[in-house]
Amino acid sequence: CDRAAVPSRNELNEHLDTIDSSLDNLQAMLSTHGFSMDSALLDIQDLLSSQEQQKPTEAEPGAGDSGIAR
């Protein structure tokens, strides 16, 4: 093993502190903007259901036929 490739304990602690700080910032940002997972899921469900309602009905049987019997 190459000893130089192994991070020191101090480097690991600094990295973990950075991640912890980033997660704290993300949590604060989400809570101040009133983000709710439940409401987000409801919004997605509403969007999907409205798209389902807007889909064109399937073509009538025979609509794609060229009229040539084989």
PDB file of N, CA and C in Angstrom:
ATOM      1  N   CYS A   1       0.823  -1.193   0.000  1.00  0.00           N
ATOM      2  CA  CYS A   1       0.000   0.000   0.000  1.00  0.00           C
ATOM      3  C   CYS A   1       0.863   1.251   0.000  1.00  0.00           C
ATOM      4  N   ASP A   2       0.435   2.226  -0.734  1.00  0.00           N
ATOM      5  CA  ASP A   2       1.127   3.506  -0.761  1.00  0.00           C
ATOM      6  C   ASP A   2       0.614   4.359   0.377  1.00  0.00           C
ATOM      7  N   ARG A   3       1.445   4.664   1.323  1.00  0.00           N
ATOM      8  CA  ARG A   3       1.059   5.430   2.520  1.00  0.00           C
ATOM      9  C   ARG A   3       0.576   6.840   2.158  1.00  0.00           C
ATOM     10  N   ALA A   4       1.068   7.407   1.059  1.00  0.00           N
ATOM     11  CA  ALA A   4       0.702   8.770   0.685  1.00  0.00           C
ATOM     12  C   ALA A   4      -0.761   8.854   0.239  1.00  0.00           C
ATOM     13  N   ALA A   5      -1.337   7.751  -0.219  1.00  0.00           N
ATOM     14  CA  ALA A   5      -2.711   7.760  -0.709  1.00  0.00           C
ATOM     15  C   ALA A   5      -3.730   7.690   0.426  1.00  0.00           C
ATOM     16  N   VAL A   6      -3.290   7.336   1.613  1.00  0.00           N
ATOM     17  CA  VAL A   6      -4.194   7.213   2.754  1.00  0.00           C
ATOM     18  C   VAL A   6      -4.338   8.584   3.418  1.00  0.00           C
ATOM     19  N   PRO A   7      -5.566   9.102   3.494  1.00  0.00           N
ATOM     20  CA  PRO A   7      -5.739  10.418   4.132  1.00  0.00           C
ATOM     21  C   PRO A   7      -5.466  10.351   5.633  1.00  0.00           C
ATOM     22  N   SER A   8      -4.998  11.447   6.161  1.00  0.00           N
ATOM     23  CA  SER A   8      -4.726  11.507   7.600  1.00  0.00           C
ATOM     24  C   SER A   8      -6.039  11.636   8.367  1.00  0.00           C
ATOM     25  N   ARG A   9      -5.975  11.387   9.643  1.00  0.00           N
ATOM     26  CA  ARG A   9      -7.158  11.513  10.492  1.00  0.00           C
ATOM     27  C   ARG A   9      -7.685  12.946  10.455  1.00  0.00           C
ATOM     28  N   ASN A  10      -6.784  13.909  10.421  1.00  0.00           N
ATOM     29  CA  ASN A  10      -7.175  15.315  10.382  1.00  0.00           C
ATOM     30  C   ASN A  10      -7.918  15.630   9.080  1.00  0.00           C
ATOM     31  N   GLU A  11      -7.433  15.094   7.957  1.00  0.00           N
ATOM     32  CA  GLU A  11      -8.098  15.323   6.671  1.00  0.00           C
ATOM     33  C   GLU A  11      -9.495  14.705   6.662  1.00  0.00           C
ATOM     34  N   LEU A  12      -9.621  13.531   7.233  1.00  0.00           N
ATOM     35  CA  LEU A  12     -10.932  12.883   7.313  1.00  0.00           C
ATOM     36  C   LEU A  12     -11.892  13.687   8.178  1.00  0.00           C
ATOM     37  N   ASN A  13     -11.410  14.171   9.313  1.00  0.00           N
ATOM     38  CA  ASN A  13     -12.253  14.979  10.196  1.00  0.00           C
ATOM     39  C   ASN A  13     -12.701  16.262   9.506  1.00  0.00           C
ATOM     40  N   GLU A  14     -11.798  16.897   8.764  1.00  0.00           N
ATOM     41  CA  GLU A  14     -12.162  18.111   8.037  1.00  0.00           C
ATOM     42  C   GLU A  14     -13.225  17.806   6.983  1.00  0.00           C
ATOM     43  N   HIS A  15     -13.058  16.694   6.284  1.00  0.00           N
ATOM     44  CA  HIS A  15     -14.027  16.300   5.262  1.00  0.00           C
ATOM     45  C   HIS A  15     -15.399  16.027   5.886  1.00  0.00           C
ATOM     46  N   LEU A  16     -15.417  15.317   7.007  1.00  0.00           N
ATOM     47  CA  LEU A  16     -16.673  15.038   7.704  1.00  0.00           C
ATOM     48  C   LEU A  16     -17.324  16.317   8.222  1.00  0.00           C
ATOM     49  N   ASP A  17     -16.518  17.250   8.698  1.00  0.00           N
ATOM     50  CA  ASP A  17     -17.062  18.537   9.144  1.00  0.00           C
ATOM     51  C   ASP A  17     -17.693  19.301   7.985  1.00  0.00           C
ATOM     52  N   THR A  18     -17.070  19.228   6.823  1.00  0.00           N
ATOM     53  CA  THR A  18     -17.616  19.891   5.636  1.00  0.00           C
ATOM     54  C   THR A  18     -18.947  19.278   5.242  1.00  0.00           C
ATOM     55  N   ILE A  19     -19.021  17.958   5.246  1.00  0.00           N
ATOM     56  CA  ILE A  19     -20.261  17.267   4.914  1.00  0.00           C
ATOM     57  C   ILE A  19     -21.349  17.618   5.929  1.00  0.00           C
ATOM     58  N   ASP A  20     -21.005  17.611   7.196  1.00  0.00           N
ATOM     59  CA  ASP A  20     -21.963  17.934   8.259  1.00  0.00           C
ATOM     60  C   ASP A  20     -22.497  19.356   8.088  1.00  0.00           C
ATOM     61  N   SER A  21     -21.604  20.270   7.774  1.00  0.00           N
ATOM     62  CA  SER A  21     -22.013  21.663   7.564  1.00  0.00           C
ATOM     63  C   SER A  21     -22.931  21.774   6.350  1.00  0.00           C
ATOM     64  N   SER A  22     -22.607  21.069   5.291  1.00  0.00           N
ATOM     65  CA  SER A  22     -23.436  21.095   4.087  1.00  0.00           C
ATOM     66  C   SER A  22     -24.825  20.538   4.366  1.00  0.00           C
ATOM     67  N   LEU A  23     -24.897  19.463   5.130  1.00  0.00           N
ATOM     68  CA  LEU A  23     -26.192  18.886   5.472  1.00  0.00           C
ATOM     69  C   LEU A  23     -27.004  19.824   6.356  1.00  0.00           C
ATOM     70  N   ASP A  24     -26.336  20.496   7.284  1.00  0.00           N
ATOM     71  CA  ASP A  24     -27.026  21.483   8.128  1.00  0.00           C
ATOM     72  C   ASP A  24     -27.590  22.619   7.277  1.00  0.00           C
ATOM     73  N   ASN A  25     -26.796  23.081   6.323  1.00  0.00           N
ATOM     74  CA  ASN A  25     -27.258  24.158   5.436  1.00  0.00           C
ATOM     75  C   ASN A  25     -28.439  23.700   4.591  1.00  0.00           C
ATOM     76  N   LEU A  26     -28.378  22.483   4.089  1.00  0.00           N
ATOM     77  CA  LEU A  26     -29.473  21.944   3.287  1.00  0.00           C
ATOM     78  C   LEU A  26     -30.741  21.819   4.124  1.00  0.00           C
ATOM     79  N   GLN A  27     -30.606  21.326   5.334  1.00  0.00           N
ATOM     80  CA  GLN A  27     -31.767  21.196   6.217  1.00  0.00           C
ATOM     81  C   GLN A  27     -32.382  22.566   6.504  1.00  0.00           C
ATOM     82  N   ALA A  28     -31.557  23.553   6.762  1.00  0.00           N
ATOM     83  CA  ALA A  28     -32.053  24.900   7.037  1.00  0.00           C
ATOM     84  C   ALA A  28     -32.752  25.478   5.814  1.00  0.00           C
ATOM     85  N   MET A  29     -32.172  25.264   4.639  1.00  0.00           N
ATOM     86  CA  MET A  29     -32.764  25.790   3.415  1.00  0.00           C
ATOM     87  C   MET A  29     -34.129  25.137   3.154  1.00  0.00           C
ATOM     88  N   LEU A  30     -34.220  23.839   3.329  1.00  0.00           N
ATOM     89  CA  LEU A  30     -35.479  23.136   3.086  1.00  0.00           C
ATOM     90  C   LEU A  30     -36.551  23.528   4.098  1.00  0.00           C
ATOM     91  N   SER A  31     -36.150  23.725   5.350  1.00  0.00           N
ATOM     92  CA  SER A  31     -37.150  24.069   6.364  1.00  0.00           C
ATOM     93  C   SER A  31     -37.627  25.513   6.227  1.00  0.00           C
ATOM     94  N   THR A  32     -36.770  26.428   5.780  1.00  0.00           N
ATOM     95  CA  THR A  32     -37.193  27.818   5.643  1.00  0.00           C
ATOM     96  C   THR A  32     -38.072  28.027   4.424  1.00  0.00           C
ATOM     97  N   HIS A  33     -37.952  27.169   3.427  1.00  0.00           N
ATOM     98  CA  HIS A  33     -38.777  27.304   2.228  1.00  0.00           C
ATOM     99  C   HIS A  33     -40.046  26.473   2.322  1.00  0.00           C
ATOM    100  N   GLY A  34     -40.298  25.873   3.461  1.00  0.00           N
ATOM    101  CA  GLY A  34     -41.525  25.122   3.667  1.00  0.00           C
ATOM    102  C   GLY A  34     -41.632  23.878   2.807  1.00  0.00           C
ATOM    103  N   PHE A  35     -40.507  23.310   2.449  1.00  0.00           N
ATOM    104  CA  PHE A  35     -40.513  22.109   1.624  1.00  0.00           C
ATOM    105  C   PHE A  35     -41.042  20.944   2.446  1.00  0.00           C
ATOM    106  N   SER A  36     -41.953  20.218   1.864  1.00  0.00           N
ATOM    107  CA  SER A  36     -42.510  19.052   2.528  1.00  0.00           C
ATOM    108  C   SER A  36     -42.520  17.903   1.545  1.00  0.00           C
ATOM    109  N   MET A  37     -42.008  16.782   1.959  1.00  0.00           N
ATOM    110  CA  MET A  37     -41.974  15.618   1.081  1.00  0.00           C
ATOM    111  C   MET A  37     -43.392  15.191   0.726  1.00  0.00           C
ATOM    112  N   ASP A  38     -44.305  15.278   1.682  1.00  0.00           N
ATOM    113  CA  ASP A  38     -45.691  14.879   1.417  1.00  0.00           C
ATOM    114  C   ASP A  38     -46.312  15.760   0.333  1.00  0.00           C
ATOM    115  N   SER A  39     -46.114  17.057   0.441  1.00  0.00           N
ATOM    116  CA  SER A  39     -46.721  17.938  -0.566  1.00  0.00           C
ATOM    117  C   SER A  39     -46.045  17.742  -1.910  1.00  0.00           C
ATOM    118  N   ALA A  40     -44.767  17.484  -1.907  1.00  0.00           N
ATOM    119  CA  ALA A  40     -44.066  17.244  -3.169  1.00  0.00           C
ATOM    120  C   ALA A  40     -44.595  15.988  -3.850  1.00  0.00           C
ATOM    121  N   LEU A  41     -44.850  14.952  -3.074  1.00  0.00           N
ATOM    122  CA  LEU A  41     -45.397  13.721  -3.647  1.00  0.00           C
ATOM    123  C   LEU A  41     -46.807  13.944  -4.178  1.00  0.00           C
ATOM    124  N   LEU A  42     -47.598  14.735  -3.470  1.00  0.00           N
ATOM    125  CA  LEU A  42     -48.946  15.043  -3.949  1.00  0.00           C
ATOM    126  C   LEU A  42     -48.895  15.828  -5.251  1.00  0.00           C
ATOM    127  N   ASP A  43     -47.955  16.767  -5.347  1.00  0.00           N
ATOM    128  CA  ASP A  43     -47.805  17.545  -6.579  1.00  0.00           C
ATOM    129  C   ASP A  43     -47.441  16.633  -7.749  1.00  0.00           C
ATOM    130  N   ILE A  44     -46.559  15.685  -7.512  1.00  0.00           N
ATOM    131  CA  ILE A  44     -46.157  14.751  -8.561  1.00  0.00           C
ATOM    132  C   ILE A  44     -47.333  13.884  -8.974  1.00  0.00           C
ATOM    133  N   GLN A  45     -48.105  13.408  -7.993  1.00  0.00           N
ATOM    134  CA  GLN A  45     -49.274  12.581  -8.315  1.00  0.00           C
ATOM    135  C   GLN A  45     -50.299  13.377  -9.115  1.00  0.00           C
ATOM    136  N   ASP A  46     -50.510  14.630  -8.749  1.00  0.00           N
ATOM    137  CA  ASP A  46     -51.446  15.485  -9.491  1.00  0.00           C
ATOM    138  C   ASP A  46     -50.973  15.672 -10.929  1.00  0.00           C
ATOM    139  N   LEU A  47     -49.682  15.904 -11.101  1.00  0.00           N
ATOM    140  CA  LEU A  47     -49.126  16.093 -12.427  1.00  0.00           C
ATOM    141  C   LEU A  47     -49.299  14.837 -13.277  1.00  0.00           C
ATOM    142  N   LEU A  48     -49.002  13.685 -12.692  1.00  0.00           N
ATOM    143  CA  LEU A  48     -49.127  12.433 -13.434  1.00  0.00           C
ATOM    144  C   LEU A  48     -50.575  12.151 -13.802  1.00  0.00           C
ATOM    145  N   SER A  49     -51.497  12.413 -12.892  1.00  0.00           N
ATOM    146  CA  SER A  49     -52.900  12.133 -13.193  1.00  0.00           C
ATOM    147  C   SER A  49     -53.419  13.085 -14.267  1.00  0.00           C
ATOM    148  N   SER A  50     -52.967  14.339 -14.258  1.00  0.00           N
ATOM    149  CA  SER A  50     -53.413  15.273 -15.294  1.00  0.00           C
ATOM    150  C   SER A  50     -52.841  14.879 -16.654  1.00  0.00           C
ATOM    151  N   GLN A  51     -51.642  14.333 -16.678  1.00  0.00           N
ATOM    152  CA  GLN A  51     -51.062  13.869 -17.938  1.00  0.00           C
ATOM    153  C   GLN A  51     -51.813  12.651 -18.453  1.00  0.00           C
ATOM    154  N   GLU A  52     -52.228  11.775 -17.556  1.00  0.00           N
ATOM    155  CA  GLU A  52     -52.996  10.600 -17.961  1.00  0.00           C
ATOM    156  C   GLU A  52     -54.320  11.027 -18.580  1.00  0.00           C
ATOM    157  N   GLN A  53     -54.950  12.050 -18.025  1.00  0.00           N
ATOM    158  CA  GLN A  53     -56.231  12.517 -18.535  1.00  0.00           C
ATOM    159  C   GLN A  53     -56.077  13.194 -19.892  1.00  0.00           C
ATOM    160  N   GLN A  54     -54.914  13.777 -20.165  1.00  0.00           N
ATOM    161  CA  GLN A  54     -54.694  14.499 -21.413  1.00  0.00           C
ATOM    162  C   GLN A  54     -54.227  13.601 -22.545  1.00  0.00           C
ATOM    163  N   LYS A  55     -53.873  12.346 -22.253  1.00  0.00           N
ATOM    164  CA  LYS A  55     -53.421  11.440 -23.301  1.00  0.00           C
ATOM    165  C   LYS A  55     -54.532  11.255 -24.319  1.00  0.00           C
ATOM    166  N   PRO A  56     -54.183  11.264 -25.597  1.00  0.00           N
ATOM    167  CA  PRO A  56     -55.223  11.025 -26.608  1.00  0.00           C
ATOM    168  C   PRO A  56     -55.707   9.588 -26.506  1.00  0.00           C
ATOM    169  N   THR A  57     -56.976   9.408 -26.812  1.00  0.00           N
ATOM    170  CA  THR A  57     -57.508   8.052 -26.771  1.00  0.00           C
ATOM    171  C   THR A  57     -56.858   7.258 -27.886  1.00  0.00           C
ATOM    172  N   GLU A  58     -56.791   5.967 -27.689  1.00  0.00           N
ATOM    173  CA  GLU A  58     -56.154   5.129 -28.695  1.00  0.00           C
ATOM    174  C   GLU A  58     -56.924   5.219 -29.996  1.00  0.00           C
ATOM    175  N   ALA A  59     -56.219   5.071 -31.083  1.00  0.00           N
ATOM    176  CA  ALA A  59     -56.831   5.173 -32.404  1.00  0.00           C
ATOM    177  C   ALA A  59     -57.916   4.099 -32.548  1.00  0.00           C
ATOM    178  N   GLU A  60     -58.914   4.438 -33.299  1.00  0.00           N
ATOM    179  CA  GLU A  60     -59.990   3.486 -33.510  1.00  0.00           C
ATOM    180  C   GLU A  60     -59.449   2.276 -34.252  1.00  0.00           C
ATOM    181  N   PRO A  61     -60.037   1.111 -34.011  1.00  0.00           N
ATOM    182  CA  PRO A  61     -59.559  -0.080 -34.711  1.00  0.00           C
ATOM    183  C   PRO A  61     -59.643   0.120 -36.211  1.00  0.00           C
ATOM    184  N   GLY A  62     -58.583  -0.256 -36.895  1.00  0.00           N
ATOM    185  CA  GLY A  62     -58.554  -0.131 -38.340  1.00  0.00           C
ATOM    186  C   GLY A  62     -58.080   1.216 -38.821  1.00  0.00           C
ATOM    187  N   ALA A  63     -57.797   2.150 -37.945  1.00  0.00           N
ATOM    188  CA  ALA A  63     -57.384   3.489 -38.358  1.00  0.00           C
ATOM    189  C   ALA A  63     -56.033   3.449 -39.060  1.00  0.00           C
ATOM    190  N   GLY A  64     -55.201   2.480 -38.694  1.00  0.00           N
ATOM    191  CA  GLY A  64     -53.881   2.396 -39.315  1.00  0.00           C
ATOM    192  C   GLY A  64     -53.860   1.483 -40.520  1.00  0.00           C
ATOM    193  N   ASP A  65     -54.978   0.875 -40.851  1.00  0.00           N
ATOM    194  CA  ASP A  65     -55.030  -0.020 -41.998  1.00  0.00           C
ATOM    195  C   ASP A  65     -54.968   0.775 -43.281  1.00  0.00           C
ATOM    196  N   SER A  66     -54.324   0.219 -44.270  1.00  0.00           N
ATOM    197  CA  SER A  66     -54.244   0.895 -45.567  1.00  0.00           C
ATOM    198  C   SER A  66     -55.407   0.528 -46.471  1.00  0.00           C
ATOM    199  N   GLY A  67     -56.234  -0.427 -46.028  1.00  0.00           N
ATOM    200  CA  GLY A  67     -57.379  -0.824 -46.817  1.00  0.00           C
ATOM    201  C   GLY A  67     -57.049  -1.907 -47.831  1.00  0.00           C
ATOM    202  N   ILE A  68     -55.802  -2.349 -47.836  1.00  0.00           N
ATOM    203  CA  ILE A  68     -55.389  -3.389 -48.764  1.00  0.00           C
ATOM    204  C   ILE A  68     -55.447  -4.728 -48.048  1.00  0.00           C
ATOM    205  N   ALA A  69     -56.231  -5.665 -48.584  1.00  0.00           N
ATOM    206  CA  ALA A  69     -56.333  -6.988 -47.989  1.00  0.00           C
ATOM    207  C   ALA A  69     -55.163  -7.825 -48.463  1.00  0.00           C
ATOM    208  N   ARG A  70     -54.640  -8.618 -47.556  1.00  0.00           N
ATOM    209  CA  ARG A  70     -53.514  -9.468 -47.922  1.00  0.00           C
ATOM    210  C   ARG A  70     -53.882 -10.902 -47.848  1.00  0.00           C
TER     211      ARG A  70
END
